Amino acid sequence: MAAEAMTLTIITPEHTVLKDAPTDAVVVPVVDGSMGILHNHAPMVANLRIGVLRYRQDGVFKRAAVIGGFMEVSHNRVTVLADAAELAESIDVARAMQARKRAEARLRDRKANIDRARAEAALRRALARLRAAGALDEEE
């Protein structure tokens, strides 16, 4: 690990998604936008929202979808405790596309008695997974 590096760990209730991965930059989706973390960042804790976490290894940004949770930064260690998370290469794009279509259909059906907040959250999760996998632009 380089002198200017940190480590990133992503943990969910089910398993450890990433453990002590060397990185020199992390960008996380926080409740009021995005936050960048670099070497020697001040200790902190932040709430995460559904979105794409990006981390740089060997000059290349890699991505993971995170579904809420918390992040702690301390002594050049970034620890993400997420409700759910998937590395980009682990995401089943076809399944995420189907989840997106189902959520959009539920939201379009004005006559159905649906839990709108739940359908919107399902859509946000599907979009985060698709963005992390590179199947959607960041703006979509």
Protein backbone atom coordinates (compact mmCIF):
# COMPACT_ATOMS: atom_id res chain seq x y z
CA MET A 1 0.00 0.00 0.00
CA ALA A 2 1.34 3.44 -0.92
CA ALA A 3 2.19 5.99 1.72
CA GLU A 4 -0.77 8.15 0.66
CA ALA A 5 -3.30 5.30 0.74
CA MET A 6 -6.22 4.38 2.94
CA THR A 7 -8.19 1.18 3.31
CA LEU A 8 -11.85 0.66 2.49
CA THR A 9 -14.08 -1.97 4.06
CA ILE A 10 -17.75 -2.46 3.10
CA ILE A 11 -19.85 -4.63 5.42
CA THR A 12 -23.54 -5.62 5.23
CA PRO A 13 -25.53 -7.64 7.77
CA GLU A 14 -25.11 -10.70 5.52
CA HIS A 15 -21.41 -10.53 4.60
CA THR A 16 -18.26 -8.49 4.06
CA VAL A 17 -18.37 -7.09 0.53
CA LEU A 18 -14.86 -5.59 0.56
CA LYS A 19 -12.17 -5.90 3.23
CA ASP A 20 -9.21 -3.56 3.72
CA ALA A 21 -9.00 -2.66 0.02
CA PRO A 22 -6.21 -0.14 -0.60
CA THR A 23 -7.53 3.11 -2.07
CA ASP A 24 -6.43 6.71 -2.33
CA ALA A 25 -9.91 8.26 -2.75
CA VAL A 26 -13.48 7.34 -1.82
CA VAL A 27 -16.66 9.15 -2.91
CA VAL A 28 -19.78 8.16 -0.98
CA PRO A 29 -23.48 9.04 -1.42
CA VAL A 30 -24.47 10.87 1.77
CA VAL A 31 -27.96 12.07 2.66
CA ASP A 32 -27.37 15.60 1.35
CA GLY A 33 -25.21 14.87 -1.73
CA SER A 34 -21.83 13.21 -2.15
CA MET A 35 -18.69 13.36 -0.04
CA GLY A 36 -15.09 12.75 -1.03
CA ILE A 37 -12.60 11.18 1.38
CA LEU A 38 -8.84 11.50 0.86
CA HIS A 39 -5.75 10.49 2.84
CA ASN A 40 -5.63 11.98 6.37
CA HIS A 41 -9.31 12.97 6.37
CA ALA A 42 -10.58 14.05 9.78
CA PRO A 43 -12.41 11.37 11.76
CA MET A 44 -16.14 11.42 11.09
CA VAL A 45 -19.35 9.45 10.77
CA ALA A 46 -21.97 10.06 8.05
CA ASN A 47 -25.39 8.69 7.06
CA LEU A 48 -25.45 7.12 3.61
CA ARG A 49 -28.28 7.18 1.10
CA ILE A 50 -29.03 4.77 -1.72
CA GLY A 51 -26.45 5.41 -4.42
CA VAL A 52 -23.07 4.60 -5.93
CA LEU A 53 -19.89 4.50 -3.88
CA ARG A 54 -16.72 5.05 -5.92
CA TYR A 55 -13.18 4.23 -4.82
CA ARG A 56 -9.89 4.65 -6.66
CA GLN A 57 -7.33 1.87 -6.94
CA ASP A 58 -4.23 2.20 -9.14
CA GLY A 59 -5.65 5.34 -10.76
CA VAL A 60 -8.95 3.69 -11.77
CA PHE A 61 -12.29 4.32 -10.07
CA LYS A 62 -14.26 1.21 -9.15
CA ARG A 63 -17.90 1.26 -8.08
CA ALA A 64 -20.28 -0.39 -5.67
CA ALA A 65 -24.01 0.11 -5.13
CA VAL A 66 -24.82 0.92 -1.50
CA ILE A 67 -28.29 0.84 -0.02
CA GLY A 68 -28.18 3.17 2.96
CA GLY A 69 -26.23 2.73 6.15
CA PHE A 70 -23.33 4.59 7.73
CA MET A 71 -19.71 5.40 6.98
CA GLU A 72 -16.93 5.93 9.50
CA VAL A 73 -13.58 7.54 8.70
CA SER A 74 -10.74 7.14 11.21
CA HIS A 75 -6.95 6.85 10.88
CA ASN A 76 -7.01 6.44 7.07
CA ARG A 77 -9.61 3.66 7.30
CA VAL A 78 -13.00 4.08 5.66
CA THR A 79 -15.59 1.63 6.96
CA VAL A 80 -19.02 1.42 5.36
CA LEU A 81 -21.77 -0.37 7.27
CA ALA A 82 -24.47 -0.66 4.61
CA ASP A 83 -27.95 -2.13 4.73
CA ALA A 84 -26.99 -3.81 1.42
CA ALA A 85 -24.09 -3.40 -1.03
CA GLU A 86 -22.78 -4.97 -4.22
CA LEU A 87 -19.54 -4.47 -6.13
CA ALA A 88 -20.12 -3.44 -9.76
CA GLU A 89 -18.78 -6.73 -11.11
CA SER A 90 -21.24 -8.71 -8.95
CA ILE A 91 -24.38 -6.95 -10.15
CA ASP A 92 -26.80 -8.90 -12.34
CA VAL A 93 -27.70 -6.14 -14.82
CA ALA A 94 -30.66 -8.02 -16.34
CA ARG A 95 -32.17 -8.56 -12.90
CA ALA A 96 -31.65 -4.89 -11.98
CA MET A 97 -33.31 -3.81 -15.27
CA GLN A 98 -36.33 -6.01 -14.46
CA ALA A 99 -36.54 -4.50 -10.96
CA ARG A 100 -36.45 -1.02 -12.50
CA LYS A 101 -39.26 -1.88 -14.94
CA ARG A 102 -41.41 -3.37 -12.16
CA ALA A 103 -40.94 -0.31 -9.93
CA GLU A 104 -41.68 2.12 -12.77
CA ALA A 105 -44.82 0.17 -13.72
CA ARG A 106 -46.07 0.23 -10.12
CA LEU A 107 -45.48 3.98 -9.92
CA ARG A 108 -47.30 4.61 -13.23
CA ASP A 109 -50.39 2.64 -12.17
CA ARG A 110 -52.46 5.33 -10.46
CA LYS A 111 -55.39 2.97 -9.83
CA ALA A 112 -53.44 0.36 -7.89
CA ASN A 113 -53.36 0.59 -4.12
CA ILE A 114 -49.57 0.61 -3.72
CA ASP A 115 -47.16 1.80 -1.09
CA ARG A 116 -45.69 4.68 -3.10
CA ALA A 117 -42.68 5.20 -0.80
CA ARG A 118 -41.78 1.52 -1.06
CA ALA A 119 -42.06 1.58 -4.87
CA GLU A 120 -39.90 4.73 -5.06
CA ALA A 121 -37.25 3.11 -2.83
CA ALA A 122 -37.27 0.00 -5.06
CA LEU A 123 -36.71 2.23 -8.09
CA ARG A 124 -33.82 4.09 -6.38
CA ARG A 125 -32.19 0.73 -5.47
CA ALA A 126 -32.50 -0.57 -9.04
CA LEU A 127 -31.09 2.66 -10.50
CA ALA A 128 -28.15 2.63 -8.06
CA ARG A 129 -27.31 -0.95 -9.04
CA LEU A 130 -27.52 -0.10 -12.76
CA ARG A 131 -25.33 3.01 -12.34
CA ALA A 132 -22.75 1.07 -10.31
CA ALA A 133 -22.64 -1.63 -13.01
CA GLY A 134 -22.13 1.03 -15.70
CA ALA A 135 -25.45 0.26 -17.42
CA LEU A 136 -26.76 3.82 -16.87
CA ASP A 137 -25.20 7.26 -16.99
CA GLU A 138 -24.77 9.00 -13.64
CA GLU A 139 -27.42 11.59 -14.64
CA GLU A 140 -30.12 9.06 -15.57
